[in-house]
Amino acid sequence: PMMYMPDAVRATLNLMEAPGTAIKTRTSYNISGISFTPRELSE
């Protein structure tokens, strides 16, 4: 699993700006972006 940095930055700011009442997970959140292989990236 990978993520392009603009998505990672946006996720971080969105998380930090969310109201505290929305944040139920205080370990760490899974987030998904793009999953690919080296071969697929090379193509």
ModelCIF file with pLDDT and N, C-alpha, C, O atoms, coordinates in Angstrom:
data_MODEL
#
_entry.id   MODEL 
#
_entity.id                         1 
_entity.type                       polymer 
_entity.pdbx_number_of_molecules   1 
#
_entity_poly.entity_id                      1 
_entity_poly.type                           'polypeptide(L)' 
_entity_poly.nstd_linkage                   no 
_entity_poly.nstd_monomer                   no 
_entity_poly.pdbx_seq_one_letter_code       PMMYMPDAVRATLNLMEAPGTAIKTRTSYNISGISFTPRELSE 
_entity_poly.pdbx_seq_one_letter_code_can   PMMYMPDAVRATLNLMEAPGTAIKTRTSYNISGISFTPRELSE 
_entity_poly.pdbx_strand_id                 A 
#
loop_
_entity_poly_seq.entity_id 
_entity_poly_seq.num 
_entity_poly_seq.mon_id 
_entity_poly_seq.hetero 
1 1  PRO n 
1 2  MET n 
1 3  MET n 
1 4  TYR n 
1 5  MET n 
1 6  PRO n 
1 7  ASP n 
1 8  ALA n 
1 9  VAL n 
1 10 ARG n 
1 11 ALA n 
1 12 THR n 
1 13 LEU n 
1 14 ASN n 
1 15 LEU n 
1 16 MET n 
1 17 GLU n 
1 18 ALA n 
1 19 PRO n 
1 20 GLY n 
1 21 THR n 
1 22 ALA n 
1 23 ILE n 
1 24 LYS n 
1 25 THR n 
1 26 ARG n 
1 27 THR n 
1 28 SER n 
1 29 TYR n 
1 30 ASN n 
1 31 ILE n 
1 32 SER n 
1 33 GLY n 
1 34 ILE n 
1 35 SER n 
1 36 PHE n 
1 37 THR n 
1 38 PRO n 
1 39 ARG n 
1 40 GLU n 
1 41 LEU n 
1 42 SER n 
1 43 GLU n 
#
_struct_asym.id          A 
_struct_asym.entity_id   1 
#
loop_
_ma_qa_metric.id 
_ma_qa_metric.mode 
_ma_qa_metric.name 
_ma_qa_metric.software_group_id 
_ma_qa_metric.type 
1 global pLDDT . pLDDT 
2 local  pLDDT . pLDDT 
#
_ma_qa_metric_global.metric_id      1 
_ma_qa_metric_global.metric_value   97.21 
_ma_qa_metric_global.model_id       1 
_ma_qa_metric_global.ordinal_id     1 
#
loop_
_ma_qa_metric_local.label_asym_id 
_ma_qa_metric_local.label_comp_id 
_ma_qa_metric_local.label_seq_id 
_ma_qa_metric_local.metric_id 
_ma_qa_metric_local.metric_value 
_ma_qa_metric_local.model_id 
_ma_qa_metric_local.ordinal_id 
A PRO 1  2 96.00 1 1  
A MET 2  2 96.00 1 2  
A MET 3  2 96.00 1 3  
A TYR 4  2 97.00 1 4  
A MET 5  2 96.00 1 5  
A PRO 6  2 96.00 1 6  
A ASP 7  2 97.00 1 7  
A ALA 8  2 97.00 1 8  
A VAL 9  2 97.00 1 9  
A ARG 10 2 98.00 1 10 
A ALA 11 2 98.00 1 11 
A THR 12 2 98.00 1 12 
A LEU 13 2 98.00 1 13 
A ASN 14 2 98.00 1 14 
A LEU 15 2 98.00 1 15 
A MET 16 2 98.00 1 16 
A GLU 17 2 97.00 1 17 
A ALA 18 2 98.00 1 18 
A PRO 19 2 97.00 1 19 
A GLY 20 2 95.00 1 20 
A THR 21 2 96.00 1 21 
A ALA 22 2 97.00 1 22 
A ILE 23 2 98.00 1 23 
A LYS 24 2 97.00 1 24 
A THR 25 2 98.00 1 25 
A ARG 26 2 98.00 1 26 
A THR 27 2 98.00 1 27 
A SER 28 2 98.00 1 28 
A TYR 29 2 98.00 1 29 
A ASN 30 2 98.00 1 30 
A ILE 31 2 98.00 1 31 
A SER 32 2 95.00 1 32 
A GLY 33 2 95.00 1 33 
A ILE 34 2 96.00 1 34 
A SER 35 2 96.00 1 35 
A PHE 36 2 97.00 1 36 
A THR 37 2 98.00 1 37 
A PRO 38 2 98.00 1 38 
A ARG 39 2 98.00 1 39 
A GLU 40 2 98.00 1 40 
A LEU 41 2 98.00 1 41 
A SER 42 2 98.00 1 42 
A GLU 43 2 98.00 1 43 
#
loop_
_atom_site.group_PDB 
_atom_site.id 
_atom_site.type_symbol 
_atom_site.label_atom_id 
_atom_site.label_alt_id 
_atom_site.label_comp_id 
_atom_site.label_asym_id 
_atom_site.label_entity_id 
_atom_site.label_seq_id 
_atom_site.pdbx_PDB_ins_code 
_atom_site.Cartn_x 
_atom_site.Cartn_y 
_atom_site.Cartn_z 
_atom_site.occupancy 
_atom_site.B_iso_or_equiv 
_atom_site.pdbx_formal_charge 
_atom_site.auth_seq_id 
_atom_site.auth_comp_id 
_atom_site.auth_asym_id 
_atom_site.auth_atom_id 
_atom_site.pdbx_PDB_model_num 
ATOM 1   N N  . PRO A 1 1  ? 0.833   -1.205 0.000   1.00 96.00 ? 1  PRO A N  1 
ATOM 2   C CA . PRO A 1 1  ? 0.000   0.000  0.000   1.00 96.00 ? 1  PRO A CA 1 
ATOM 3   C C  . PRO A 1 1  ? 0.866   1.252  0.000   1.00 96.00 ? 1  PRO A C  1 
ATOM 4   O O  . PRO A 1 1  ? 1.830   1.352  0.759   1.00 96.00 ? 1  PRO A O  1 
ATOM 5   N N  . MET A 1 2  ? 0.518   2.198  -0.850  1.00 96.00 ? 2  MET A N  1 
ATOM 6   C CA . MET A 1 2  ? 1.256   3.447  -0.991  1.00 96.00 ? 2  MET A CA 1 
ATOM 7   C C  . MET A 1 2  ? 0.287   4.627  -0.949  1.00 96.00 ? 2  MET A C  1 
ATOM 8   O O  . MET A 1 2  ? -0.931  4.455  -1.002  1.00 96.00 ? 2  MET A O  1 
ATOM 9   N N  . MET A 1 3  ? 0.854   5.823  -0.852  1.00 96.00 ? 3  MET A N  1 
ATOM 10  C CA . MET A 1 3  ? 0.027   7.024  -0.890  1.00 96.00 ? 3  MET A CA 1 
ATOM 11  C C  . MET A 1 3  ? 0.846   8.179  -1.432  1.00 96.00 ? 3  MET A C  1 
ATOM 12  O O  . MET A 1 3  ? 1.994   8.379  -1.036  1.00 96.00 ? 3  MET A O  1 
ATOM 13  N N  . TYR A 1 4  ? 0.249   8.939  -2.344  1.00 97.00 ? 4  TYR A N  1 
ATOM 14  C CA . TYR A 1 4  ? 0.906   10.129 -2.860  1.00 97.00 ? 4  TYR A CA 1 
ATOM 15  C C  . TYR A 1 4  ? 0.846   11.213 -1.796  1.00 97.00 ? 4  TYR A C  1 
ATOM 16  O O  . TYR A 1 4  ? -0.167  11.365 -1.113  1.00 97.00 ? 4  TYR A O  1 
ATOM 17  N N  . MET A 1 5  ? 1.931   11.966 -1.656  1.00 96.00 ? 5  MET A N  1 
ATOM 18  C CA . MET A 1 5  ? 2.061   12.892 -0.543  1.00 96.00 ? 5  MET A CA 1 
ATOM 19  C C  . MET A 1 5  ? 0.921   13.906 -0.418  1.00 96.00 ? 5  MET A C  1 
ATOM 20  O O  . MET A 1 5  ? 0.495   14.185 0.703   1.00 96.00 ? 5  MET A O  1 
ATOM 21  N N  . PRO A 1 6  ? 0.411   14.466 -1.512  1.00 96.00 ? 6  PRO A N  1 
ATOM 22  C CA . PRO A 1 6  ? -0.726  15.388 -1.329  1.00 96.00 ? 6  PRO A CA 1 
ATOM 23  C C  . PRO A 1 6  ? -1.900  14.760 -0.597  1.00 96.00 ? 6  PRO A C  1 
ATOM 24  O O  . PRO A 1 6  ? -2.559  15.424 0.203   1.00 96.00 ? 6  PRO A O  1 
ATOM 25  N N  . ASP A 1 7  ? -2.170  13.479 -0.863  1.00 97.00 ? 7  ASP A N  1 
ATOM 26  C CA . ASP A 1 7  ? -3.229  12.787 -0.124  1.00 97.00 ? 7  ASP A CA 1 
ATOM 27  C C  . ASP A 1 7  ? -2.844  12.607 1.339   1.00 97.00 ? 7  ASP A C  1 
ATOM 28  O O  . ASP A 1 7  ? -3.685  12.768 2.223   1.00 97.00 ? 7  ASP A O  1 
ATOM 29  N N  . ALA A 1 8  ? -1.582  12.275 1.603   1.00 97.00 ? 8  ALA A N  1 
ATOM 30  C CA . ALA A 1 8  ? -1.133  12.073 2.986   1.00 97.00 ? 8  ALA A CA 1 
ATOM 31  C C  . ALA A 1 8  ? -1.238  13.364 3.793   1.00 97.00 ? 8  ALA A C  1 
ATOM 32  O O  . ALA A 1 8  ? -1.677  13.347 4.943   1.00 97.00 ? 8  ALA A O  1 
ATOM 33  N N  . VAL A 1 9  ? -0.835  14.480 3.191   1.00 97.00 ? 9  VAL A N  1 
ATOM 34  C CA . VAL A 1 9  ? -0.921  15.768 3.878   1.00 97.00 ? 9  VAL A CA 1 
ATOM 35  C C  . VAL A 1 9  ? -2.378  16.143 4.135   1.00 97.00 ? 9  VAL A C  1 
ATOM 36  O O  . VAL A 1 9  ? -2.735  16.590 5.224   1.00 97.00 ? 9  VAL A O  1 
ATOM 37  N N  . ARG A 1 10 ? -3.208  15.954 3.119   1.00 98.00 ? 10 ARG A N  1 
ATOM 38  C CA . ARG A 1 10 ? -4.625  16.280 3.281   1.00 98.00 ? 10 ARG A CA 1 
ATOM 39  C C  . ARG A 1 10 ? -5.263  15.418 4.371   1.00 98.00 ? 10 ARG A C  1 
ATOM 40  O O  . ARG A 1 10 ? -6.065  15.912 5.163   1.00 98.00 ? 10 ARG A O  1 
ATOM 41  N N  . ALA A 1 11 ? -4.911  14.138 4.412   1.00 98.00 ? 11 ALA A N  1 
ATOM 42  C CA . ALA A 1 11 ? -5.433  13.258 5.455   1.00 98.00 ? 11 ALA A CA 1 
ATOM 43  C C  . ALA A 1 11 ? -5.029  13.744 6.835   1.00 98.00 ? 11 ALA A C  1 
ATOM 44  O O  . ALA A 1 11 ? -5.836  13.757 7.764   1.00 98.00 ? 11 ALA A O  1 
ATOM 45  N N  . THR A 1 12 ? -3.764  14.145 6.959   1.00 98.00 ? 12 THR A N  1 
ATOM 46  C CA . THR A 1 12 ? -3.254  14.599 8.254   1.00 98.00 ? 12 THR A CA 1 
ATOM 47  C C  . THR A 1 12 ? -3.988  15.849 8.732   1.00 98.00 ? 12 THR A C  1 
ATOM 48  O O  . THR A 1 12 ? -4.414  15.922 9.884   1.00 98.00 ? 12 THR A O  1 
ATOM 49  N N  . LEU A 1 13 ? -4.133  16.819 7.855   1.00 98.00 ? 13 LEU A N  1 
ATOM 50  C CA . LEU A 1 13 ? -4.818  18.055 8.238   1.00 98.00 ? 13 LEU A CA 1 
ATOM 51  C C  . LEU A 1 13 ? -6.296  17.802 8.519   1.00 98.00 ? 13 LEU A C  1 
ATOM 52  O O  . LEU A 1 13 ? -6.857  18.370 9.457   1.00 98.00 ? 13 LEU A O  1 
ATOM 53  N N  . ASN A 1 14 ? -6.927  16.955 7.713   1.00 98.00 ? 14 ASN A N  1 
ATOM 54  C CA . ASN A 1 14 ? -8.332  16.638 7.960   1.00 98.00 ? 14 ASN A CA 1 
ATOM 55  C C  . ASN A 1 14 ? -8.524  15.977 9.316   1.00 98.00 ? 14 ASN A C  1 
ATOM 56  O O  . ASN A 1 14 ? -9.469  16.283 10.042  1.00 98.00 ? 14 ASN A O  1 
ATOM 57  N N  . LEU A 1 15 ? -7.608  15.060 9.649   1.00 98.00 ? 15 LEU A N  1 
ATOM 58  C CA . LEU A 1 15 ? -7.686  14.402 10.956  1.00 98.00 ? 15 LEU A CA 1 
ATOM 59  C C  . LEU A 1 15 ? -7.522  15.413 12.085  1.00 98.00 ? 15 LEU A C  1 
ATOM 60  O O  . LEU A 1 15 ? -8.284  15.396 13.052  1.00 98.00 ? 15 LEU A O  1 
ATOM 61  N N  . MET A 1 16 ? -6.536  16.289 11.966  1.00 98.00 ? 16 MET A N  1 
ATOM 62  C CA . MET A 1 16 ? -6.271  17.254 13.033  1.00 98.00 ? 16 MET A CA 1 
ATOM 63  C C  . MET A 1 16 ? -7.375  18.305 13.154  1.00 98.00 ? 16 MET A C  1 
ATOM 64  O O  . MET A 1 16 ? -7.571  18.873 14.229  1.00 98.00 ? 16 MET A O  1 
ATOM 65  N N  . GLU A 1 17 ? -8.090  18.566 12.070  1.00 97.00 ? 17 GLU A N  1 
ATOM 66  C CA . GLU A 1 17 ? -9.159  19.561 12.106  1.00 97.00 ? 17 GLU A CA 1 
ATOM 67  C C  . GLU A 1 17 ? -10.506 18.971 12.505  1.00 97.00 ? 17 GLU A C  1 
ATOM 68  O O  . GLU A 1 17 ? -11.445 19.711 12.797  1.00 97.00 ? 17 GLU A O  1 
ATOM 69  N N  . ALA A 1 18 ? -10.607 17.638 12.517  1.00 98.00 ? 18 ALA A N  1 
ATOM 70  C CA . ALA A 1 18 ? -11.877 17.004 12.874  1.00 98.00 ? 18 ALA A CA 1 
ATOM 71  C C  . ALA A 1 18 ? -12.222 17.293 14.336  1.00 98.00 ? 18 ALA A C  1 
ATOM 72  O O  . ALA A 1 18 ? -11.324 17.377 15.174  1.00 98.00 ? 18 ALA A O  1 
ATOM 73  N N  . PRO A 1 19 ? -13.508 17.446 14.650  1.00 97.00 ? 19 PRO A N  1 
ATOM 74  C CA . PRO A 1 19 ? -13.889 17.669 16.050  1.00 97.00 ? 19 PRO A CA 1 
ATOM 75  C C  . PRO A 1 19 ? -13.496 16.492 16.923  1.00 97.00 ? 19 PRO A C  1 
ATOM 76  O O  . PRO A 1 19 ? -13.553 15.340 16.494  1.00 97.00 ? 19 PRO A O  1 
ATOM 77  N N  . GLY A 1 20 ? -13.096 16.791 18.150  1.00 95.00 ? 20 GLY A N  1 
ATOM 78  C CA . GLY A 1 20 ? -12.641 15.744 19.057  1.00 95.00 ? 20 GLY A CA 1 
ATOM 79  C C  . GLY A 1 20 ? -13.666 14.648 19.266  1.00 95.00 ? 20 GLY A C  1 
ATOM 80  O O  . GLY A 1 20 ? -13.308 13.493 19.495  1.00 95.00 ? 20 GLY A O  1 
ATOM 81  N N  . THR A 1 21 ? -14.940 15.006 19.188  1.00 96.00 ? 21 THR A N  1 
ATOM 82  C CA . THR A 1 21 ? -15.994 14.014 19.400  1.00 96.00 ? 21 THR A CA 1 
ATOM 83  C C  . THR A 1 21 ? -16.023 12.967 18.288  1.00 96.00 ? 21 THR A C  1 
ATOM 84  O O  . THR A 1 21 ? -16.555 11.873 18.476  1.00 96.00 ? 21 THR A O  1 
ATOM 85  N N  . ALA A 1 22 ? -15.448 13.306 17.123  1.00 97.00 ? 22 ALA A N  1 
ATOM 86  C CA . ALA A 1 22 ? -15.434 12.361 16.002  1.00 97.00 ? 22 ALA A CA 1 
ATOM 87  C C  . ALA A 1 22 ? -14.311 11.346 16.104  1.00 97.00 ? 22 ALA A C  1 
ATOM 88  O O  . ALA A 1 22 ? -14.363 10.287 15.480  1.00 97.00 ? 22 ALA A O  1 
ATOM 89  N N  . ILE A 1 23 ? -13.290 11.672 16.896  1.00 98.00 ? 23 ILE A N  1 
ATOM 90  C CA . ILE A 1 23 ? -12.092 10.822 16.960  1.00 98.00 ? 23 ILE A CA 1 
ATOM 91  C C  . ILE A 1 23 ? -12.285 9.756  18.033  1.00 98.00 ? 23 ILE A C  1 
ATOM 92  O O  . ILE A 1 23 ? -12.070 9.999  19.220  1.00 98.00 ? 23 ILE A O  1 
ATOM 93  N N  . LYS A 1 24 ? -12.691 8.579  17.592  1.00 97.00 ? 24 LYS A N  1 
ATOM 94  C CA . LYS A 1 24 ? -12.937 7.464  18.518  1.00 97.00 ? 24 LYS A CA 1 
ATOM 95  C C  . LYS A 1 24 ? -11.711 6.562  18.657  1.00 97.00 ? 24 LYS A C  1 
ATOM 96  O O  . LYS A 1 24 ? -11.602 5.805  19.622  1.00 97.00 ? 24 LYS A O  1 
ATOM 97  N N  . THR A 1 25 ? -10.796 6.640  17.702  1.00 98.00 ? 25 THR A N  1 
ATOM 98  C CA . THR A 1 25 ? -9.623  5.759  17.673  1.00 98.00 ? 25 THR A CA 1 
ATOM 99  C C  . THR A 1 25 ? -8.402  6.553  18.113  1.00 98.00 ? 25 THR A C  1 
ATOM 100 O O  . THR A 1 25 ? -8.006  7.509  17.447  1.00 98.00 ? 25 THR A O  1 
ATOM 101 N N  . ARG A 1 26 ? -7.812  6.164  19.221  1.00 98.00 ? 26 ARG A N  1 
ATOM 102 C CA . ARG A 1 26 ? -6.664  6.905  19.755  1.00 98.00 ? 26 ARG A CA 1 
ATOM 103 C C  . ARG A 1 26 ? -5.375  6.099  19.715  1.00 98.00 ? 26 ARG A C  1 
ATOM 104 O O  . ARG A 1 26 ? -4.365  6.512  20.284  1.00 98.00 ? 26 ARG A O  1 
ATOM 105 N N  . THR A 1 27 ? -5.404  4.946  19.041  1.00 98.00 ? 27 THR A N  1 
ATOM 106 C CA . THR A 1 27 ? -4.151  4.264  18.713  1.00 98.00 ? 27 THR A CA 1 
ATOM 107 C C  . THR A 1 27 ? -3.637  4.896  17.420  1.00 98.00 ? 27 THR A C  1 
ATOM 108 O O  . THR A 1 27 ? -2.780  5.779  17.456  1.00 98.00 ? 27 THR A O  1 
ATOM 109 N N  . SER A 1 28 ? -4.162  4.442  16.274  1.00 98.00 ? 28 SER A N  1 
ATOM 110 C CA . SER A 1 28 ? -3.805  5.045  14.997  1.00 98.00 ? 28 SER A CA 1 
ATOM 111 C C  . SER A 1 28 ? -4.775  4.552  13.943  1.00 98.00 ? 28 SER A C  1 
ATOM 112 O O  . SER A 1 28 ? -5.244  3.416  14.007  1.00 98.00 ? 28 SER A O  1 
ATOM 113 N N  . TYR A 1 29 ? -5.076  5.398  12.974  1.00 98.00 ? 29 TYR A N  1 
ATOM 114 C CA . TYR A 1 29 ? -6.044  5.061  11.933  1.00 98.00 ? 29 TYR A CA 1 
ATOM 115 C C  . TYR A 1 29 ? -5.380  4.421  10.717  1.00 98.00 ? 29 TYR A C  1 
ATOM 116 O O  . TYR A 1 29 ? -4.364  4.913  10.225  1.00 98.00 ? 29 TYR A O  1 
ATOM 117 N N  . ASN A 1 30 ? -5.960  3.322  10.236  1.00 98.00 ? 30 ASN A N  1 
ATOM 118 C CA . ASN A 1 30 ? -5.668  2.854  8.889   1.00 98.00 ? 30 ASN A CA 1 
ATOM 119 C C  . ASN A 1 30 ? -6.140  3.895  7.880   1.00 98.00 ? 30 ASN A C  1 
ATOM 120 O O  . ASN A 1 30 ? -7.254  4.403  8.003   1.00 98.00 ? 30 ASN A O  1 
ATOM 121 N N  . ILE A 1 31 ? -5.318  4.222  6.887   1.00 98.00 ? 31 ILE A N  1 
ATOM 122 C CA . ILE A 1 31 ? -5.810  4.947  5.720   1.00 98.00 ? 31 ILE A CA 1 
ATOM 123 C C  . ILE A 1 31 ? -5.244  4.290  4.462   1.00 98.00 ? 31 ILE A C  1 
ATOM 124 O O  . ILE A 1 31 ? -4.124  3.780  4.462   1.00 98.00 ? 31 ILE A O  1 
ATOM 125 N N  . SER A 1 32 ? -6.031  4.313  3.403   1.00 95.00 ? 32 SER A N  1 
ATOM 126 C CA . SER A 1 32 ? -5.656  3.649  2.162   1.00 95.00 ? 32 SER A CA 1 
ATOM 127 C C  . SER A 1 32 ? -5.484  4.668  1.054   1.00 95.00 ? 32 SER A C  1 
ATOM 128 O O  . SER A 1 32 ? -6.187  5.677  1.009   1.00 95.00 ? 32 SER A O  1 
ATOM 129 N N  . GLY A 1 33 ? -4.533  4.396  0.149   1.00 95.00 ? 33 GLY A N  1 
ATOM 130 C CA . GLY A 1 33 ? -4.316  5.241  -1.008  1.00 95.00 ? 33 GLY A CA 1 
ATOM 131 C C  . GLY A 1 33 ? -4.310  4.401  -2.268  1.00 95.00 ? 33 GLY A C  1 
ATOM 132 O O  . GLY A 1 33 ? -5.362  4.137  -2.851  1.00 95.00 ? 33 GLY A O  1 
ATOM 133 N N  . ILE A 1 34 ? -3.107  3.974  -2.699  1.00 96.00 ? 34 ILE A N  1 
ATOM 134 C CA . ILE A 1 34 ? -2.938  3.167  -3.907  1.00 96.00 ? 34 ILE A CA 1 
ATOM 135 C C  . ILE A 1 34 ? -2.110  1.931  -3.536  1.00 96.00 ? 34 ILE A C  1 
ATOM 136 O O  . ILE A 1 34 ? -1.085  2.052  -2.865  1.00 96.00 ? 34 ILE A O  1 
ATOM 137 N N  . SER A 1 35 ? -2.546  0.759  -3.966  1.00 96.00 ? 35 SER A N  1 
ATOM 138 C CA . SER A 1 35 ? -1.722  -0.449 -3.805  1.00 96.00 ? 35 SER A CA 1 
ATOM 139 C C  . SER A 1 35 ? -1.229  -0.888 -5.179  1.00 96.00 ? 35 SER A C  1 
ATOM 140 O O  . SER A 1 35 ? -2.020  -1.036 -6.111  1.00 96.00 ? 35 SER A O  1 
ATOM 141 N N  . PHE A 1 36 ? 0.098   -1.098 -5.301  1.00 97.00 ? 36 PHE A N  1 
ATOM 142 C CA . PHE A 1 36 ? 0.656   -1.523 -6.585  1.00 97.00 ? 36 PHE A CA 1 
ATOM 143 C C  . PHE A 1 36 ? 1.952   -2.285 -6.362  1.00 97.00 ? 36 PHE A C  1 
ATOM 144 O O  . PHE A 1 36 ? 2.501   -2.293 -5.260  1.00 97.00 ? 36 PHE A O  1 
ATOM 145 N N  . THR A 1 37 ? 2.435   -2.928 -7.426  1.00 98.00 ? 37 THR A N  1 
ATOM 146 C CA . THR A 1 37 ? 3.701   -3.658 -7.411  1.00 98.00 ? 37 THR A CA 1 
ATOM 147 C C  . THR A 1 37 ? 4.761   -2.856 -8.158  1.00 98.00 ? 37 THR A C  1 
ATOM 148 O O  . THR A 1 37 ? 4.412   -1.944 -8.907  1.00 98.00 ? 37 THR A O  1 
ATOM 149 N N  . PRO A 1 38 ? 6.046   -3.168 -7.979  1.00 98.00 ? 38 PRO A N  1 
ATOM 150 C CA . PRO A 1 38 ? 7.075   -2.511 -8.780  1.00 98.00 ? 38 PRO A CA 1 
ATOM 151 C C  . PRO A 1 38 ? 6.842   -2.656 -10.283 1.00 98.00 ? 38 PRO A C  1 
ATOM 152 O O  . PRO A 1 38 ? 7.088   -1.725 -11.048 1.00 98.00 ? 38 PRO A O  1 
ATOM 153 N N  . ARG A 1 39 ? 6.368   -3.823 -10.696 1.00 98.00 ? 39 ARG A N  1 
ATOM 154 C CA . ARG A 1 39 ? 6.102   -4.013 -12.122 1.00 98.00 ? 39 ARG A CA 1 
ATOM 155 C C  . ARG A 1 39 ? 4.999   -3.079 -12.616 1.00 98.00 ? 39 ARG A C  1 
ATOM 156 O O  . ARG A 1 39 ? 5.113   -2.486 -13.689 1.00 98.00 ? 39 ARG A O  1 
ATOM 157 N N  . GLU A 1 40 ? 3.936   -2.954 -11.832 1.00 98.00 ? 40 GLU A N  1 
ATOM 158 C CA . GLU A 1 40 ? 2.838   -2.070 -12.236 1.00 98.00 ? 40 GLU A CA 1 
ATOM 159 C C  . GLU A 1 40 ? 3.280   -0.606 -12.263 1.00 98.00 ? 40 GLU A C  1 
ATOM 160 O O  . GLU A 1 40 ? 2.866   0.155  -13.138 1.00 98.00 ? 40 GLU A O  1 
ATOM 161 N N  . LEU A 1 41 ? 4.121   -0.215 -11.303 1.00 98.00 ? 41 LEU A N  1 
ATOM 162 C CA . LEU A 1 41 ? 4.633   1.151  -11.306 1.00 98.00 ? 41 LEU A CA 1 
ATOM 163 C C  . LEU A 1 41 ? 5.530   1.388  -12.515 1.00 98.00 ? 41 LEU A C  1 
ATOM 164 O O  . LEU A 1 41 ? 5.473   2.448  -13.139 1.00 98.00 ? 41 LEU A O  1 
ATOM 165 N N  . SER A 1 42 ? 6.356   0.401  -12.842 1.00 98.00 ? 42 SER A N  1 
ATOM 166 C CA . SER A 1 42 ? 7.241   0.564  -14.001 1.00 98.00 ? 42 SER A CA 1 
ATOM 167 C C  . SER A 1 42 ? 6.440   0.691  -15.288 1.00 98.00 ? 42 SER A C  1 
ATOM 168 O O  . SER A 1 42 ? 6.817   1.453  -16.179 1.00 98.00 ? 42 SER A O  1 
ATOM 169 N N  . GLU A 1 43 ? 5.337   -0.050 -15.396 1.00 98.00 ? 43 GLU A N  1 
ATOM 170 C CA . GLU A 1 43 ? 4.486   0.063  -16.583 1.00 98.00 ? 43 GLU A CA 1 
ATOM 171 C C  . GLU A 1 43 ? 3.851   1.442  -16.677 1.00 98.00 ? 43 GLU A C  1 
ATOM 172 O O  . GLU A 1 43 ? 3.102   1.715  -17.616 1.00 98.00 ? 43 GLU A O  1 
#
